[in-house]
């Protein structure tokens, strides 16, 4: 089987607060207007000025290619009302592979991606960005991921909340299944 690109979807509801008071607003349902027939999304609203972050963990499939590239894409929206011309949000993602019998007291390396969100009630997807996953092995191991908005970055000029919808993780698989 030829190598194939695969994705893992991690919705906002799968992310948890760090427990230190630095988390974005609680999970909320967002939909445009009051019409219950319109699409509804579960989001976490990241503030325009405060440093807030979320965590999640998942296990990479065994079929992950040993030397494959792992990438990510933040999916987000906003409710509108920002100052005209202030439309950029900087997202940061860091990850660490947690192998058996290894300490999880580790420092993450973060990758930044800037995205522009002009229109309200629109889904935005950042560019697919390479994710530096610290640790030695990925396939079959638990990976801890932290995501945050980086309002301290001068490129993040959107002066309203950015609603985090979820994170796509892209990887290359070298096998058809996880049999090993």
N, C-alpha and C. Protein backbone atom coordinates (compact mmCIF):
# COMPACT_ATOMS: atom_id res chain seq x y z
N UNK A 1 0.84 -1.19 0.00
CA UNK A 1 0.00 0.00 0.00
C UNK A 1 0.88 1.25 0.00
N UNK A 2 0.55 2.18 -0.83
CA UNK A 2 1.27 3.45 -0.88
C UNK A 2 0.89 4.28 0.35
N UNK A 3 1.81 5.14 0.76
CA UNK A 3 1.54 6.02 1.90
C UNK A 3 0.31 6.88 1.62
N UNK A 4 -0.51 7.09 2.63
CA UNK A 4 -1.74 7.87 2.48
C UNK A 4 -1.81 8.94 3.55
N UNK A 5 -2.36 10.09 3.19
CA UNK A 5 -2.56 11.19 4.14
C UNK A 5 -3.88 10.95 4.86
N UNK A 6 -3.89 10.99 6.17
CA UNK A 6 -5.10 10.79 6.96
C UNK A 6 -5.26 11.93 7.96
N UNK A 7 -6.48 12.09 8.47
CA UNK A 7 -6.75 13.17 9.41
C UNK A 7 -7.47 12.64 10.64
N UNK A 8 -7.22 13.29 11.76
CA UNK A 8 -7.93 13.04 13.02
C UNK A 8 -8.62 14.34 13.38
N UNK A 9 -9.93 14.29 13.67
CA UNK A 9 -10.69 15.48 14.05
C UNK A 9 -10.81 15.51 15.57
N UNK A 10 -10.40 16.62 16.16
CA UNK A 10 -10.48 16.83 17.60
C UNK A 10 -11.38 18.04 17.85
N UNK A 11 -12.69 17.82 18.12
CA UNK A 11 -13.61 18.94 18.31
C UNK A 11 -13.37 19.67 19.63
N UNK A 12 -13.86 20.89 19.72
CA UNK A 12 -13.69 21.71 20.93
C UNK A 12 -14.14 20.98 22.20
N UNK A 13 -15.19 20.16 22.09
CA UNK A 13 -15.69 19.47 23.27
C UNK A 13 -14.70 18.44 23.83
N UNK A 14 -13.70 18.03 23.03
CA UNK A 14 -12.70 17.07 23.48
C UNK A 14 -11.51 17.73 24.17
N UNK A 15 -11.52 19.05 24.26
CA UNK A 15 -10.43 19.78 24.92
C UNK A 15 -10.87 20.13 26.34
N UNK A 16 -9.93 20.11 27.25
CA UNK A 16 -10.25 20.39 28.65
C UNK A 16 -9.43 21.56 29.18
N UNK A 17 -9.95 22.16 30.25
CA UNK A 17 -9.30 23.31 30.88
C UNK A 17 -8.02 22.86 31.58
N UNK A 18 -7.03 23.75 31.64
CA UNK A 18 -5.78 23.41 32.31
C UNK A 18 -5.89 23.37 33.83
N UNK A 19 -6.99 23.85 34.37
CA UNK A 19 -7.17 23.83 35.83
C UNK A 19 -6.45 24.94 36.55
N UNK A 20 -5.98 25.93 35.84
CA UNK A 20 -5.23 27.03 36.45
C UNK A 20 -5.92 28.37 36.29
N UNK A 21 -7.16 28.37 35.82
CA UNK A 21 -7.88 29.63 35.64
C UNK A 21 -7.52 30.37 34.38
N UNK A 22 -6.81 29.71 33.47
CA UNK A 22 -6.38 30.37 32.23
C UNK A 22 -7.09 29.78 31.01
N UNK A 23 -8.28 29.26 31.20
CA UNK A 23 -9.01 28.64 30.10
C UNK A 23 -9.99 29.63 29.47
N UNK A 24 -10.31 29.40 28.20
CA UNK A 24 -11.33 30.23 27.57
C UNK A 24 -12.71 29.92 28.14
N UNK A 25 -13.69 30.66 27.71
CA UNK A 25 -15.06 30.46 28.19
C UNK A 25 -15.48 29.00 28.03
N UNK A 26 -16.42 28.58 28.87
CA UNK A 26 -16.91 27.20 28.84
C UNK A 26 -17.48 26.85 27.46
N UNK A 27 -17.54 25.56 27.18
CA UNK A 27 -18.10 25.09 25.92
C UNK A 27 -19.48 25.69 25.73
N UNK A 28 -19.72 26.26 24.56
CA UNK A 28 -21.00 26.90 24.27
C UNK A 28 -21.48 26.47 22.89
N UNK A 29 -22.77 26.55 22.69
CA UNK A 29 -23.34 26.28 21.38
C UNK A 29 -23.53 27.62 20.68
N UNK A 30 -22.98 27.71 19.47
CA UNK A 30 -23.10 28.93 18.68
C UNK A 30 -23.87 28.65 17.41
N UNK A 31 -24.77 29.53 17.09
CA UNK A 31 -25.45 29.49 15.80
C UNK A 31 -25.88 30.89 15.43
N UNK A 32 -25.94 31.17 14.14
CA UNK A 32 -26.31 32.52 13.72
C UNK A 32 -27.79 32.78 13.98
N UNK A 33 -28.08 33.91 14.59
CA UNK A 33 -29.48 34.29 14.84
C UNK A 33 -30.15 33.39 15.85
N UNK A 34 -31.45 33.35 15.80
CA UNK A 34 -32.23 32.57 16.76
C UNK A 34 -32.97 31.42 16.11
N UNK A 35 -32.73 31.19 14.85
CA UNK A 35 -33.42 30.14 14.10
C UNK A 35 -32.80 28.78 14.45
N UNK A 36 -33.58 27.92 15.08
CA UNK A 36 -33.08 26.61 15.52
C UNK A 36 -32.80 25.66 14.36
N UNK A 37 -33.17 26.03 13.15
CA UNK A 37 -32.92 25.15 12.01
C UNK A 37 -31.54 25.41 11.38
N UNK A 38 -30.81 26.42 11.88
CA UNK A 38 -29.48 26.72 11.34
C UNK A 38 -28.43 25.86 12.05
N UNK A 39 -27.30 25.69 11.40
CA UNK A 39 -26.22 24.88 11.95
C UNK A 39 -25.82 25.39 13.34
N UNK A 40 -25.54 24.45 14.22
CA UNK A 40 -25.10 24.78 15.57
C UNK A 40 -23.72 24.16 15.80
N UNK A 41 -22.84 24.92 16.40
CA UNK A 41 -21.47 24.48 16.62
C UNK A 41 -21.11 24.60 18.09
N UNK A 42 -20.40 23.62 18.61
CA UNK A 42 -19.86 23.73 19.96
C UNK A 42 -18.50 24.42 19.85
N UNK A 43 -18.32 25.48 20.62
CA UNK A 43 -17.09 26.28 20.52
C UNK A 43 -16.56 26.61 21.92
N UNK A 44 -15.29 27.00 21.94
CA UNK A 44 -14.68 27.61 23.11
C UNK A 44 -14.19 28.97 22.64
N UNK A 45 -14.64 30.04 23.30
CA UNK A 45 -14.31 31.41 22.88
C UNK A 45 -13.02 31.88 23.55
N UNK A 46 -11.99 32.11 22.73
CA UNK A 46 -10.72 32.62 23.22
C UNK A 46 -10.75 34.14 23.21
N UNK A 47 -10.41 34.74 24.33
CA UNK A 47 -10.44 36.18 24.52
C UNK A 47 -9.40 36.89 23.65
N UNK A 48 -9.66 38.15 23.35
CA UNK A 48 -8.77 38.95 22.51
C UNK A 48 -7.56 39.48 23.26
N UNK A 49 -7.58 39.44 24.60
CA UNK A 49 -6.47 40.02 25.35
C UNK A 49 -5.81 39.08 26.35
N UNK A 50 -6.54 38.09 26.84
CA UNK A 50 -6.00 37.20 27.88
C UNK A 50 -5.33 35.97 27.27
N UNK A 51 -4.29 35.50 27.94
CA UNK A 51 -3.62 34.26 27.52
C UNK A 51 -4.44 33.08 28.07
N UNK A 52 -5.13 32.37 27.19
CA UNK A 52 -5.98 31.25 27.57
C UNK A 52 -5.59 30.05 26.73
N UNK A 53 -5.71 28.85 27.31
CA UNK A 53 -5.35 27.66 26.55
C UNK A 53 -6.14 26.45 27.00
N UNK A 54 -6.13 25.43 26.13
CA UNK A 54 -6.84 24.17 26.35
C UNK A 54 -5.91 23.01 26.04
N UNK A 55 -6.24 21.85 26.60
CA UNK A 55 -5.47 20.62 26.39
C UNK A 55 -6.37 19.51 25.88
N UNK A 56 -5.77 18.57 25.19
CA UNK A 56 -6.43 17.31 24.87
C UNK A 56 -5.34 16.24 24.74
N UNK A 57 -5.75 15.00 24.84
CA UNK A 57 -4.86 13.87 24.57
C UNK A 57 -5.57 12.89 23.66
N UNK A 58 -4.81 12.20 22.88
CA UNK A 58 -5.34 11.13 22.03
C UNK A 58 -4.19 10.20 21.71
N UNK A 59 -4.51 9.05 21.14
CA UNK A 59 -3.50 8.08 20.75
C UNK A 59 -3.38 8.07 19.23
N UNK A 60 -2.16 8.27 18.75
CA UNK A 60 -1.93 8.17 17.31
C UNK A 60 -2.08 6.71 16.88
N UNK A 61 -2.67 6.48 15.73
CA UNK A 61 -2.78 5.11 15.23
C UNK A 61 -1.40 4.48 15.03
N UNK A 62 -1.32 3.17 15.18
CA UNK A 62 -0.07 2.43 14.95
C UNK A 62 0.44 2.64 13.52
N UNK A 63 -0.49 2.85 12.60
CA UNK A 63 -0.11 2.94 11.19
C UNK A 63 0.58 4.25 10.80
N UNK A 64 0.79 5.13 11.77
CA UNK A 64 1.50 6.37 11.50
C UNK A 64 2.89 6.04 10.96
N UNK A 65 3.23 6.64 9.85
CA UNK A 65 4.55 6.44 9.25
C UNK A 65 5.63 6.94 10.20
N UNK A 66 6.64 6.13 10.42
CA UNK A 66 7.67 6.45 11.41
C UNK A 66 8.31 7.81 11.17
N UNK A 67 8.62 8.14 9.93
CA UNK A 67 9.28 9.42 9.64
C UNK A 67 8.32 10.40 9.00
N UNK A 68 7.04 10.17 9.16
CA UNK A 68 6.04 11.00 8.50
C UNK A 68 5.90 12.37 9.13
N UNK A 69 5.40 13.29 8.35
CA UNK A 69 5.15 14.64 8.82
C UNK A 69 3.78 14.71 9.46
N UNK A 70 3.71 15.36 10.61
CA UNK A 70 2.44 15.61 11.28
C UNK A 70 2.14 17.10 11.11
N UNK A 71 0.91 17.40 10.73
CA UNK A 71 0.50 18.79 10.53
C UNK A 71 -0.81 19.06 11.25
N UNK A 72 -1.17 20.33 11.37
CA UNK A 72 -2.43 20.67 12.03
C UNK A 72 -3.12 21.79 11.28
N UNK A 73 -4.41 21.93 11.59
CA UNK A 73 -5.24 22.99 11.02
C UNK A 73 -6.27 23.37 12.07
N UNK A 74 -6.27 24.63 12.48
CA UNK A 74 -7.26 25.13 13.44
C UNK A 74 -8.51 25.53 12.67
N UNK A 75 -9.68 25.11 13.19
CA UNK A 75 -10.96 25.47 12.61
C UNK A 75 -11.65 26.39 13.62
N UNK A 76 -12.09 27.56 13.16
CA UNK A 76 -12.61 28.56 14.09
C UNK A 76 -13.63 29.47 13.41
N UNK A 77 -14.24 30.34 14.20
CA UNK A 77 -15.23 31.31 13.71
C UNK A 77 -15.24 32.50 14.67
N UNK A 78 -16.10 33.47 14.41
CA UNK A 78 -16.33 34.56 15.35
C UNK A 78 -17.72 35.14 15.11
N UNK A 79 -18.21 35.87 16.10
CA UNK A 79 -19.57 36.42 16.02
C UNK A 79 -19.65 37.77 15.33
N UNK A 80 -18.52 38.36 15.04
CA UNK A 80 -18.52 39.67 14.39
C UNK A 80 -18.48 40.80 15.40
N UNK A 81 -18.39 42.01 14.89
CA UNK A 81 -18.35 43.20 15.74
C UNK A 81 -16.94 43.73 15.95
N UNK A 82 -15.95 43.13 15.28
CA UNK A 82 -14.59 43.60 15.45
C UNK A 82 -14.41 44.96 14.76
N UNK A 83 -13.39 45.68 15.20
CA UNK A 83 -13.04 46.95 14.57
C UNK A 83 -12.60 46.66 13.14
N UNK A 84 -13.08 47.44 12.18
CA UNK A 84 -12.75 47.24 10.78
C UNK A 84 -11.25 47.15 10.54
N UNK A 85 -10.84 46.15 9.78
CA UNK A 85 -9.43 45.97 9.46
C UNK A 85 -8.67 45.15 10.48
N UNK A 86 -9.27 44.88 11.63
CA UNK A 86 -8.61 44.08 12.66
C UNK A 86 -9.19 42.66 12.60
N UNK A 87 -8.62 41.84 11.75
CA UNK A 87 -9.21 40.55 11.43
C UNK A 87 -8.29 39.35 11.65
N UNK A 88 -7.07 39.55 12.11
CA UNK A 88 -6.12 38.44 12.20
C UNK A 88 -6.07 37.84 13.61
N UNK A 89 -5.99 36.52 13.64
CA UNK A 89 -5.86 35.77 14.89
C UNK A 89 -4.63 34.87 14.77
N UNK A 90 -3.82 34.81 15.82
CA UNK A 90 -2.66 33.92 15.86
C UNK A 90 -2.98 32.76 16.78
N UNK A 91 -2.95 31.56 16.23
CA UNK A 91 -3.16 30.34 17.01
C UNK A 91 -1.82 29.68 17.25
N UNK A 92 -1.66 29.08 18.44
CA UNK A 92 -0.45 28.34 18.79
C UNK A 92 -0.85 26.92 19.14
N UNK A 93 -0.06 25.96 18.66
CA UNK A 93 -0.30 24.56 18.97
C UNK A 93 1.03 23.93 19.35
N UNK A 94 1.02 23.19 20.45
CA UNK A 94 2.19 22.45 20.89
C UNK A 94 1.79 21.02 21.20
N UNK A 95 2.70 20.07 20.99
CA UNK A 95 2.37 18.66 21.21
C UNK A 95 3.58 17.91 21.75
N UNK A 96 3.28 16.86 22.52
CA UNK A 96 4.34 16.00 23.05
C UNK A 96 3.86 14.57 23.03
N UNK A 97 4.71 13.67 22.53
CA UNK A 97 4.41 12.25 22.50
C UNK A 97 4.82 11.63 23.83
N UNK A 98 3.87 10.97 24.47
CA UNK A 98 4.11 10.38 25.79
C UNK A 98 4.31 8.88 25.63
N UNK A 99 5.54 8.43 25.74
CA UNK A 99 5.84 7.02 25.58
C UNK A 99 5.77 6.31 26.93
N UNK A 100 5.64 5.01 26.87
CA UNK A 100 5.54 4.21 28.09
C UNK A 100 6.79 4.39 28.95
N UNK A 101 6.59 4.53 30.25
CA UNK A 101 7.65 4.68 31.25
C UNK A 101 8.46 5.95 31.09
N UNK A 102 7.91 6.95 30.42
CA UNK A 102 8.60 8.23 30.27
C UNK A 102 7.83 9.30 31.03
N UNK A 103 8.54 10.25 31.60
CA UNK A 103 7.91 11.33 32.35
C UNK A 103 7.09 12.22 31.41
N UNK A 104 5.95 12.70 31.89
CA UNK A 104 5.20 13.66 31.09
C UNK A 104 5.42 15.08 31.60
N UNK A 105 6.45 15.28 32.40
CA UNK A 105 6.87 16.60 32.87
C UNK A 105 7.80 17.18 31.79
N UNK A 106 7.21 17.62 30.69
CA UNK A 106 7.97 18.05 29.53
C UNK A 106 7.56 19.46 29.10
N UNK A 107 8.47 20.15 28.44
CA UNK A 107 8.19 21.46 27.87
C UNK A 107 7.87 21.30 26.39
N UNK A 108 6.80 21.93 25.95
CA UNK A 108 6.37 21.81 24.56
C UNK A 108 7.05 22.84 23.67
N UNK A 109 7.19 22.50 22.40
CA UNK A 109 7.60 23.43 21.36
C UNK A 109 6.32 23.87 20.66
N UNK A 110 6.14 25.17 20.46
CA UNK A 110 4.90 25.66 19.85
C UNK A 110 5.11 26.12 18.42
N UNK A 111 4.10 25.86 17.62
CA UNK A 111 4.06 26.32 16.24
C UNK A 111 2.92 27.32 16.14
N UNK A 112 3.15 28.43 15.43
CA UNK A 112 2.15 29.48 15.27
C UNK A 112 1.59 29.48 13.85
N UNK A 113 0.32 29.83 13.76
CA UNK A 113 -0.28 30.05 12.45
C UNK A 113 -1.23 31.24 12.58
N UNK A 114 -1.14 32.17 11.64
CA UNK A 114 -2.00 33.35 11.62
C UNK A 114 -3.07 33.17 10.56
N UNK A 115 -4.29 33.51 10.91
CA UNK A 115 -5.40 33.38 9.97
C UNK A 115 -6.25 34.63 10.02
N UNK A 116 -6.90 34.94 8.93
CA UNK A 116 -7.75 36.12 8.86
C UNK A 116 -9.21 35.70 8.83
N UNK A 117 -10.01 36.33 9.69
CA UNK A 117 -11.44 36.04 9.75
C UNK A 117 -12.25 37.30 9.60
N UNK A 118 -12.64 37.63 8.39
CA UNK A 118 -13.31 38.90 8.11
C UNK A 118 -14.80 38.83 8.43
N UNK A 119 -15.50 37.82 7.92
CA UNK A 119 -16.96 37.78 8.02
C UNK A 119 -17.43 37.00 9.26
N UNK A 120 -18.46 37.53 9.91
CA UNK A 120 -19.06 36.86 11.07
C UNK A 120 -19.79 35.60 10.62
N UNK A 121 -19.95 34.68 11.58
CA UNK A 121 -20.70 33.44 11.35
C UNK A 121 -20.21 32.68 10.12
N UNK A 122 -18.90 32.63 9.99
CA UNK A 122 -18.24 31.94 8.89
C UNK A 122 -17.19 31.02 9.49
N UNK A 123 -17.05 29.82 8.94
CA UNK A 123 -16.00 28.92 9.41
C UNK A 123 -14.71 29.25 8.69
N UNK A 124 -13.64 29.38 9.48
CA UNK A 124 -12.31 29.64 8.94
C UNK A 124 -11.42 28.45 9.26
N UNK A 125 -10.56 28.10 8.33
CA UNK A 125 -9.59 27.02 8.51
C UNK A 125 -8.21 27.60 8.23
N UNK A 126 -7.33 27.48 9.21
CA UNK A 126 -5.97 27.99 9.01
C UNK A 126 -5.27 27.18 7.93
N UNK A 127 -4.15 27.69 7.47
CA UNK A 127 -3.30 26.91 6.58
C UNK A 127 -2.87 25.65 7.31
N UNK A 128 -2.66 24.58 6.57
CA UNK A 128 -2.14 23.35 7.18
C UNK A 128 -0.68 23.60 7.51
N UNK A 129 -0.34 23.46 8.79
CA UNK A 129 0.97 23.86 9.31
C UNK A 129 1.66 22.67 9.96
N UNK A 130 2.95 22.52 9.71
CA UNK A 130 3.71 21.43 10.31
C UNK A 130 3.72 21.55 11.83
N UNK A 131 3.49 20.43 12.49
CA UNK A 131 3.47 20.39 13.95
C UNK A 131 4.70 19.65 14.44
N UNK A 132 5.52 20.33 15.21
CA UNK A 132 6.68 19.69 15.82
C UNK A 132 6.22 18.96 17.07
N UNK A 133 6.11 17.65 16.98
CA UNK A 133 5.68 16.85 18.14
C UNK A 133 6.93 16.42 18.88
N UNK A 134 7.12 16.97 20.08
CA UNK A 134 8.28 16.61 20.88
C UNK A 134 8.11 15.18 21.40
N UNK A 135 9.22 14.53 21.65
CA UNK A 135 9.19 13.12 22.07
C UNK A 135 9.76 12.28 20.95
N UNK A 136 9.91 11.01 21.20
CA UNK A 136 10.63 10.18 20.24
C UNK A 136 9.74 9.41 19.29
N UNK A 137 8.63 8.90 19.74
CA UNK A 137 7.79 8.04 18.90
C UNK A 137 6.36 8.56 18.88
N UNK A 138 5.65 8.30 17.78
CA UNK A 138 4.28 8.75 17.70
C UNK A 138 3.30 7.59 17.55
N UNK A 139 3.51 6.73 16.55
CA UNK A 139 2.58 5.65 16.26
C UNK A 139 2.27 4.80 17.48
N UNK A 140 0.98 4.76 17.88
CA UNK A 140 0.55 3.96 19.02
C UNK A 140 0.74 4.64 20.37
N UNK A 141 1.28 5.83 20.40
CA UNK A 141 1.52 6.52 21.67
C UNK A 141 0.51 7.63 21.92
N UNK A 142 0.34 7.94 23.20
CA UNK A 142 -0.52 9.05 23.60
C UNK A 142 0.20 10.36 23.29
N UNK A 143 -0.54 11.30 22.75
CA UNK A 143 0.01 12.61 22.45
C UNK A 143 -0.82 13.66 23.20
N UNK A 144 -0.13 14.53 23.92
CA UNK A 144 -0.78 15.64 24.61
C UNK A 144 -0.63 16.87 23.72
N UNK A 145 -1.75 17.58 23.52
CA UNK A 145 -1.74 18.77 22.67
C UNK A 145 -2.31 19.95 23.44
N UNK A 146 -1.64 21.09 23.32
CA UNK A 146 -2.14 22.34 23.88
C UNK A 146 -2.41 23.30 22.73
N UNK A 147 -3.57 23.95 22.78
CA UNK A 147 -3.92 24.95 21.77
C UNK A 147 -4.27 26.25 22.48
N UNK A 148 -3.84 27.35 21.90
CA UNK A 148 -4.19 28.65 22.46
C UNK A 148 -4.17 29.72 21.39
N UNK A 149 -4.88 30.78 21.68
CA UNK A 149 -4.78 32.00 20.88
C UNK A 149 -3.62 32.78 21.48
N UNK A 150 -2.87 33.47 20.64
CA UNK A 150 -1.71 34.21 21.13
C UNK A 150 -1.91 35.71 20.96
N UNK A 151 -2.73 36.33 21.84
CA UNK A 151 -3.03 37.76 21.68
C UNK A 151 -1.83 38.67 21.92
N UNK A 152 -0.77 38.13 22.54
CA UNK A 152 0.43 38.94 22.77
C UNK A 152 1.24 39.13 21.49
N UNK A 153 0.99 38.29 20.50
CA UNK A 153 1.68 38.42 19.21
C UNK A 153 1.10 39.63 18.48
N UNK A 154 1.96 40.50 18.01
CA UNK A 154 1.51 41.72 17.33
C UNK A 154 0.65 41.46 16.10
N UNK A 155 0.78 40.28 15.50
CA UNK A 155 -0.03 39.95 14.32
C UNK A 155 -1.47 39.62 14.70
N UNK A 156 -1.73 39.29 15.96
CA UNK A 156 -3.10 39.00 16.42
C UNK A 156 -3.76 40.33 16.77
N UNK A 157 -4.53 40.86 15.83
CA UNK A 157 -5.12 42.18 16.05
C UNK A 157 -6.66 42.16 16.13
N UNK A 158 -7.27 40.98 16.06
CA UNK A 158 -8.73 40.92 16.16
C UNK A 158 -9.13 41.25 17.59
N UNK A 159 -9.98 42.24 17.77
CA UNK A 159 -10.30 42.74 19.10
C UNK A 159 -11.59 42.14 19.67
N UNK A 160 -11.95 40.95 19.22
CA UNK A 160 -13.10 40.22 19.76
C UNK A 160 -12.68 38.77 19.98
N UNK A 161 -13.57 38.00 20.62
CA UNK A 161 -13.29 36.59 20.86
C UNK A 161 -13.17 35.82 19.54
N UNK A 162 -12.30 34.83 19.55
CA UNK A 162 -12.18 33.89 18.43
C UNK A 162 -12.73 32.55 18.94
N UNK A 163 -13.74 32.02 18.26
CA UNK A 163 -14.41 30.79 18.68
C UNK A 163 -13.71 29.57 18.09
N UNK A 164 -13.06 28.82 18.96
CA UNK A 164 -12.35 27.59 18.57
C UNK A 164 -13.38 26.48 18.36
N UNK A 165 -13.42 25.92 17.14
CA UNK A 165 -14.35 24.84 16.82
C UNK A 165 -13.65 23.49 16.95
N UNK A 166 -12.41 23.42 16.55
CA UNK A 166 -11.69 22.15 16.66
C UNK A 166 -10.35 22.20 15.96
N UNK A 167 -9.68 21.05 15.99
CA UNK A 167 -8.34 20.92 15.44
C UNK A 167 -8.28 19.67 14.57
N UNK A 168 -7.76 19.82 13.35
CA UNK A 168 -7.49 18.65 12.50
C UNK A 168 -6.01 18.33 12.61
N UNK A 169 -5.71 17.07 12.83
CA UNK A 169 -4.34 16.60 12.83
C UNK A 169 -4.16 15.75 11.58
N UNK A 170 -3.21 16.08 10.74
CA UNK A 170 -2.92 15.35 9.51
C UNK A 170 -1.65 14.54 9.70
N UNK A 171 -1.63 13.32 9.21
CA UNK A 171 -0.44 12.48 9.29
C UNK A 171 -0.41 11.55 8.09
N UNK A 172 0.76 10.94 7.86
CA UNK A 172 0.92 9.99 6.77
C UNK A 172 0.92 8.59 7.34
N UNK A 173 0.10 7.71 6.75
CA UNK A 173 0.06 6.32 7.20
C UNK A 173 0.78 5.45 6.19
N UNK A 174 1.39 4.41 6.68
CA UNK A 174 2.11 3.51 5.78
C UNK A 174 1.47 2.13 5.71
N UNK A 175 0.44 1.91 6.53
CA UNK A 175 -0.26 0.63 6.53
C UNK A 175 -1.75 0.87 6.39
N UNK A 176 -2.45 -0.14 5.95
CA UNK A 176 -3.90 -0.04 5.76
C UNK A 176 -4.66 -0.08 7.08
N UNK A 177 -4.07 -0.72 8.10
CA UNK A 177 -4.73 -0.83 9.40
C UNK A 177 -3.68 -0.84 10.50
N UNK A 178 -4.13 -0.98 11.73
CA UNK A 178 -3.21 -0.93 12.87
C UNK A 178 -2.70 -2.30 13.31
N UNK A 179 -2.87 -3.32 12.51
CA UNK A 179 -2.33 -4.64 12.87
C UNK A 179 -0.81 -4.55 12.94
N UNK A 180 -0.25 -5.11 13.99
CA UNK A 180 1.23 -5.06 14.11
C UNK A 180 1.77 -6.35 14.65
